[in-house]
Structures are given as C-alpha cells and as structure tokens.
Amino acid sequence: MALHKLLVDDFYDTSFALLAIHCRLEDYRLAYLLNKQLGLNLKRKPQDLDYKYFAASYAIYEWDDIILDTTWNLVSNICKKEEDSLQSSGSLFDNQHTVMKTYNLLPEFKNVDYLIKVTNENLNFNEKSILDKIQSIPQIITSYSIDIDEIKSKDHLIFN
C-alpha cells in the first residue's frame, strides 16, 4: 500500500505580506493614524482574536478594499494578562499575588507590537511605499517587512 504524506506548508496560503510595527500607541490610536496616513478604513472587529491554548486575546482591525481586492488586518502581537502567582510563602492566610504575563501572537517576534497583514492574490501593491508612509507617522518607532518563511507559527495568522 502506498504511503501518502501531507505537509501543512503545502496548504498554507502565502498570498499576503506581513509588516511589523514597533510603537507604544494603543491599538485604536494606531488604527486611526494608519487610516489617516494610508487612506484605509480599518475598523475593529466585533470579536477579538482569541486563542484558547494561550488563554490570550488580541485586538484585531480589518478593512476589505473591494476595489483592489485586498484585505488589510491590523492585529496586536502582545497580550498582557494578570494571572495568579504559583509561588507560596507557606502562610495559610497569605494574600495571593498576581503576576503580569505577556503572550505573543508570533512568539518568534516578541519585540513587535503590531502586525499588519495585507492579503491580495497578486500582491500588487508597493510595499516600500506603504512602509515609508507608516514610518512617516511620528509615534512609530520603526516598521519593516517580515519574511513569511521565517515564521514558525503561521497558523496564528489565519484570522477568518
């Protein structure tokens, strides 16, 4: 009997560009500035991006450009949650301590604050021009393109 092996990478759609943004702005403020600078219409989705495995949720904004057949997603790469500490001082009546834990949507890019995913079958947009416009926003520290092949957790980028 023949053995057939399926690789996940064979089925993964890579017709998108991924941009990283480093900034300390709140997500709604960044979405506003991107809308203004790039002429987008990003709106927050009714449901955040939830991952039960991490017990983390990430703010996500989306805009479907019907004219250019392009979907823009702005998603936070960082989720900070308060969790109970597992350490105990041995006292029966000790107050529980909470610890702030940080989860990343893409763990291999821990320093990235936000990700922009631009989905287009033909990838017919000028990535350098978009990065230049993003970089012109004074509150943004830096922005750059991420090579899709460097990402180990590509399944975290499936938003639909």
C-alpha atoms as a PDB file:
ATOM      1  CA  MET A   1       0.000   0.000   0.000  1.00  0.00           C
ATOM      2  CA  ALA A   2       1.312   3.426  -0.916  1.00  0.00           C
ATOM      3  CA  LEU A   3       2.029   5.864   1.877  1.00  0.00           C
ATOM      4  CA  HIS A   4       0.929   9.452   1.265  1.00  0.00           C
ATOM      5  CA  LYS A   5       2.345  12.249   3.358  1.00  0.00           C
ATOM      6  CA  LEU A   6       0.692  15.668   3.526  1.00  0.00           C
ATOM      7  CA  LEU A   7       2.658  18.689   4.643  1.00  0.00           C
ATOM      8  CA  VAL A   8       0.869  21.611   6.252  1.00  0.00           C
ATOM      9  CA  ASP A   9       3.059  24.103   4.391  1.00  0.00           C
ATOM     10  CA  ASP A  10       1.664  22.810   1.094  1.00  0.00           C
ATOM     11  CA  PHE A  11      -1.824  24.001   2.024  1.00  0.00           C
ATOM     12  CA  TYR A  12      -0.902  27.316   3.584  1.00  0.00           C
ATOM     13  CA  ASP A  13      -1.804  30.361   1.514  1.00  0.00           C
ATOM     14  CA  THR A  14       1.150  32.754   1.319  1.00  0.00           C
ATOM     15  CA  SER A  15      -0.504  35.387  -0.859  1.00  0.00           C
ATOM     16  CA  PHE A  16      -0.064  38.039   1.780  1.00  0.00           C
ATOM     17  CA  ALA A  17       2.520  40.480   3.032  1.00  0.00           C
ATOM     18  CA  LEU A  18       3.288  40.908   6.701  1.00  0.00           C
ATOM     19  CA  LEU A  19       4.534  44.169   8.164  1.00  0.00           C
ATOM     20  CA  ALA A  20       5.859  44.677  11.691  1.00  0.00           C
ATOM     21  CA  ILE A  21       5.323  47.862  13.665  1.00  0.00           C
ATOM     22  CA  HIS A  22       7.139  48.938  16.812  1.00  0.00           C
ATOM     23  CA  CYS A  23       5.273  51.639  18.746  1.00  0.00           C
ATOM     24  CA  ARG A  24       3.773  52.250  22.178  1.00  0.00           C
ATOM     25  CA  LEU A  25       0.382  53.518  20.992  1.00  0.00           C
ATOM     26  CA  GLU A  26      -2.935  51.979  21.934  1.00  0.00           C
ATOM     27  CA  ASP A  27      -4.453  49.881  19.140  1.00  0.00           C
ATOM     28  CA  TYR A  28      -7.340  52.262  18.406  1.00  0.00           C
ATOM     29  CA  ARG A  29      -4.942  55.230  18.125  1.00  0.00           C
ATOM     30  CA  LEU A  30      -2.634  53.335  15.749  1.00  0.00           C
ATOM     31  CA  ALA A  31      -5.614  52.275  13.614  1.00  0.00           C
ATOM     32  CA  TYR A  32      -6.726  55.919  13.393  1.00  0.00           C
ATOM     33  CA  LEU A  33      -3.258  57.104  12.341  1.00  0.00           C
ATOM     34  CA  LEU A  34      -2.896  54.315   9.759  1.00  0.00           C
ATOM     35  CA  ASN A  35      -6.339  55.120   8.335  1.00  0.00           C
ATOM     36  CA  LYS A  36      -5.374  58.755   8.036  1.00  0.00           C
ATOM     37  CA  GLN A  37      -1.874  58.191   6.606  1.00  0.00           C
ATOM     38  CA  LEU A  38      -2.584  55.275   4.242  1.00  0.00           C
ATOM     39  CA  GLY A  39      -6.166  56.109   3.264  1.00  0.00           C
ATOM     40  CA  LEU A  40      -7.523  52.928   4.850  1.00  0.00           C
ATOM     41  CA  ASN A  41     -10.776  52.284   6.671  1.00  0.00           C
ATOM     42  CA  LEU A  42      -9.692  49.869   9.406  1.00  0.00           C
ATOM     43  CA  LYS A  43     -12.444  49.054  11.895  1.00  0.00           C
ATOM     44  CA  ARG A  44     -12.266  46.904  14.983  1.00  0.00           C
ATOM     45  CA  LYS A  45     -13.856  43.502  14.556  1.00  0.00           C
ATOM     46  CA  PRO A  46     -16.667  42.649  16.977  1.00  0.00           C
ATOM     47  CA  GLN A  47     -14.674  39.730  18.373  1.00  0.00           C
ATOM     48  CA  ASP A  48     -11.022  39.840  19.369  1.00  0.00           C
ATOM     49  CA  LEU A  49      -8.689  37.151  18.119  1.00  0.00           C
ATOM     50  CA  ASP A  50      -8.902  34.503  20.860  1.00  0.00           C
ATOM     51  CA  TYR A  51      -6.542  31.603  21.355  1.00  0.00           C
ATOM     52  CA  LYS A  52      -7.800  29.191  23.991  1.00  0.00           C
ATOM     53  CA  TYR A  53      -4.434  27.413  24.055  1.00  0.00           C
ATOM     54  CA  PHE A  54      -2.706  30.575  25.291  1.00  0.00           C
ATOM     55  CA  ALA A  55      -5.788  31.924  27.086  1.00  0.00           C
ATOM     56  CA  ALA A  56      -4.966  35.179  25.302  1.00  0.00           C
ATOM     57  CA  SER A  57      -6.887  37.551  23.084  1.00  0.00           C
ATOM     58  CA  TYR A  58      -5.554  40.089  20.613  1.00  0.00           C
ATOM     59  CA  ALA A  59      -7.223  43.228  19.278  1.00  0.00           C
ATOM     60  CA  ILE A  60      -7.867  42.961  15.539  1.00  0.00           C
ATOM     61  CA  TYR A  61      -8.928  45.561  12.968  1.00  0.00           C
ATOM     62  CA  GLU A  62      -9.966  44.788   9.402  1.00  0.00           C
ATOM     63  CA  TRP A  63     -10.797  46.520   6.138  1.00  0.00           C
ATOM     64  CA  ASP A  64     -11.799  44.900   2.859  1.00  0.00           C
ATOM     65  CA  ASP A  65     -10.766  47.077  -0.080  1.00  0.00           C
ATOM     66  CA  ILE A  66     -13.266  45.866  -2.684  1.00  0.00           C
ATOM     67  CA  ILE A  67     -11.774  47.986  -5.474  1.00  0.00           C
ATOM     68  CA  LEU A  68      -8.258  46.498  -5.190  1.00  0.00           C
ATOM     69  CA  ASP A  69      -9.486  43.113  -3.875  1.00  0.00           C
ATOM     70  CA  THR A  70      -7.267  43.481  -0.807  1.00  0.00           C
ATOM     71  CA  THR A  71      -7.887  42.737   2.852  1.00  0.00           C
ATOM     72  CA  TRP A  72      -5.990  44.699   5.491  1.00  0.00           C
ATOM     73  CA  ASN A  73      -5.656  43.401   9.046  1.00  0.00           C
ATOM     74  CA  LEU A  74      -4.053  45.217  11.958  1.00  0.00           C
ATOM     75  CA  VAL A  75      -3.520  42.902  14.907  1.00  0.00           C
ATOM     76  CA  SER A  76      -1.782  43.340  18.209  1.00  0.00           C
ATOM     77  CA  ASN A  77       1.158  40.999  18.735  1.00  0.00           C
ATOM     78  CA  ILE A  78       1.088  41.397  22.522  1.00  0.00           C
ATOM     79  CA  CYS A  79      -1.472  40.311  25.097  1.00  0.00           C
ATOM     80  CA  LYS A  80      -0.810  41.120  28.743  1.00  0.00           C
ATOM     81  CA  LYS A  81      -2.836  39.290  31.375  1.00  0.00           C
ATOM     82  CA  GLU A  82      -2.845  39.258  35.146  1.00  0.00           C
ATOM     83  CA  GLU A  83      -2.536  35.747  36.499  1.00  0.00           C
ATOM     84  CA  ASP A  84      -2.333  34.307  39.975  1.00  0.00           C
ATOM     85  CA  SER A  85       1.187  33.565  41.112  1.00  0.00           C
ATOM     86  CA  LEU A  86       2.037  29.946  41.833  1.00  0.00           C
ATOM     87  CA  GLN A  87       4.560  30.878  44.500  1.00  0.00           C
ATOM     88  CA  SER A  88       3.587  30.500  48.113  1.00  0.00           C
ATOM     89  CA  SER A  89       5.271  31.832  51.211  1.00  0.00           C
ATOM     90  CA  GLY A  90       3.926  28.947  53.274  1.00  0.00           C
ATOM     91  CA  SER A  91       1.473  31.008  55.283  1.00  0.00           C
ATOM     92  CA  LEU A  92      -2.103  29.792  55.445  1.00  0.00           C
ATOM     93  CA  PHE A  93      -3.551  33.305  55.373  1.00  0.00           C
ATOM     94  CA  ASP A  94      -1.193  34.740  52.790  1.00  0.00           C
ATOM     95  CA  ASN A  95      -2.611  37.125  50.199  1.00  0.00           C
ATOM     96  CA  GLN A  96      -2.439  35.784  46.682  1.00  0.00           C
ATOM     97  CA  HIS A  97      -0.059  37.617  44.391  1.00  0.00           C
ATOM     98  CA  THR A  98      -0.825  38.370  40.784  1.00  0.00           C
ATOM     99  CA  VAL A  99       1.772  38.417  38.065  1.00  0.00           C
ATOM    100  CA  MET A 100       1.547  40.167  34.711  1.00  0.00           C
ATOM    101  CA  LYS A 101       2.188  37.602  31.954  1.00  0.00           C
ATOM    102  CA  THR A 102       2.858  38.513  28.335  1.00  0.00           C
ATOM    103  CA  TYR A 103       1.773  36.355  25.406  1.00  0.00           C
ATOM    104  CA  ASN A 104       2.799  36.965  21.797  1.00  0.00           C
ATOM    105  CA  LEU A 105       0.774  36.097  18.723  1.00  0.00           C
ATOM    106  CA  LEU A 106       4.046  35.374  16.900  1.00  0.00           C
ATOM    107  CA  PRO A 107       6.459  34.214  19.621  1.00  0.00           C
ATOM    108  CA  GLU A 108       9.472  34.455  17.307  1.00  0.00           C
ATOM    109  CA  PHE A 109       8.870  38.229  17.027  1.00  0.00           C
ATOM    110  CA  LYS A 110       8.496  39.181  20.700  1.00  0.00           C
ATOM    111  CA  ASN A 111       9.618  42.792  20.241  1.00  0.00           C
ATOM    112  CA  VAL A 112       6.993  43.580  17.591  1.00  0.00           C
ATOM    113  CA  ASP A 113       3.992  45.468  18.972  1.00  0.00           C
ATOM    114  CA  TYR A 114       1.616  45.252  15.980  1.00  0.00           C
ATOM    115  CA  LEU A 115       1.343  43.313  12.744  1.00  0.00           C
ATOM    116  CA  ILE A 116      -0.261  44.389   9.500  1.00  0.00           C
ATOM    117  CA  LYS A 117      -1.322  41.569   7.220  1.00  0.00           C
ATOM    118  CA  VAL A 118      -2.145  42.628   3.658  1.00  0.00           C
ATOM    119  CA  THR A 119      -3.877  39.851   1.748  1.00  0.00           C
ATOM    120  CA  ASN A 120      -4.018  40.104  -2.024  1.00  0.00           C
ATOM    121  CA  GLU A 121      -3.884  37.288  -4.580  1.00  0.00           C
ATOM    122  CA  ASN A 122      -1.499  39.171  -6.852  1.00  0.00           C
ATOM    123  CA  LEU A 123       0.381  41.144  -4.165  1.00  0.00           C
ATOM    124  CA  ASN A 124       0.092  44.118  -6.476  1.00  0.00           C
ATOM    125  CA  PHE A 125       0.908  46.913  -4.060  1.00  0.00           C
ATOM    126  CA  ASN A 126       4.042  48.889  -3.383  1.00  0.00           C
ATOM    127  CA  GLU A 127       5.321  47.564  -0.046  1.00  0.00           C
ATOM    128  CA  LYS A 128       8.159  50.081   0.172  1.00  0.00           C
ATOM    129  CA  SER A 129       5.760  52.990  -0.334  1.00  0.00           C
ATOM    130  CA  ILE A 130       3.479  51.667   2.415  1.00  0.00           C
ATOM    131  CA  LEU A 131       6.416  51.241   4.803  1.00  0.00           C
ATOM    132  CA  ASP A 132       7.603  54.785   4.045  1.00  0.00           C
ATOM    133  CA  LYS A 133       4.146  56.191   4.829  1.00  0.00           C
ATOM    134  CA  ILE A 134       3.941  54.183   8.056  1.00  0.00           C
ATOM    135  CA  GLN A 135       7.425  55.310   9.041  1.00  0.00           C
ATOM    136  CA  SER A 136       6.400  58.951   8.493  1.00  0.00           C
ATOM    137  CA  ILE A 137       3.993  58.708  11.461  1.00  0.00           C
ATOM    138  CA  PRO A 138       5.940  60.360  14.317  1.00  0.00           C
ATOM    139  CA  GLN A 139       4.702  57.967  17.039  1.00  0.00           C
ATOM    140  CA  ILE A 140       6.009  54.881  15.223  1.00  0.00           C
ATOM    141  CA  ILE A 141       9.486  53.804  16.235  1.00  0.00           C
ATOM    142  CA  THR A 142      10.104  51.549  13.242  1.00  0.00           C
ATOM    143  CA  SER A 143       8.326  49.374  10.702  1.00  0.00           C
ATOM    144  CA  TYR A 144       9.588  46.688   8.354  1.00  0.00           C
ATOM    145  CA  SER A 145       8.534  43.719   6.286  1.00  0.00           C
ATOM    146  CA  ILE A 146       8.643  40.198   7.733  1.00  0.00           C
ATOM    147  CA  ASP A 147       9.690  37.264   5.579  1.00  0.00           C
ATOM    148  CA  ILE A 148       6.834  34.728   5.676  1.00  0.00           C
ATOM    149  CA  ASP A 149       9.308  31.825   5.582  1.00  0.00           C
ATOM    150  CA  GLU A 150      10.814  32.942   8.931  1.00  0.00           C
ATOM    151  CA  ILE A 151       7.517  32.438  10.741  1.00  0.00           C
ATOM    152  CA  LYS A 152       7.171  29.144  12.584  1.00  0.00           C
ATOM    153  CA  SER A 153       3.613  29.751  13.811  1.00  0.00           C
ATOM    154  CA  LYS A 154       1.923  30.634  10.515  1.00  0.00           C
ATOM    155  CA  ASP A 155      -1.372  29.177  11.669  1.00  0.00           C
ATOM    156  CA  HIS A 156      -1.713  32.110  14.122  1.00  0.00           C
ATOM    157  CA  LEU A 157      -2.123  34.387  11.095  1.00  0.00           C
ATOM    158  CA  ILE A 158      -5.367  32.764   9.936  1.00  0.00           C
ATOM    159  CA  PHE A 159      -7.963  35.291  11.049  1.00  0.00           C
ATOM    160  CA  ASN A 160     -11.144  34.128   9.321  1.00  0.00           C
END
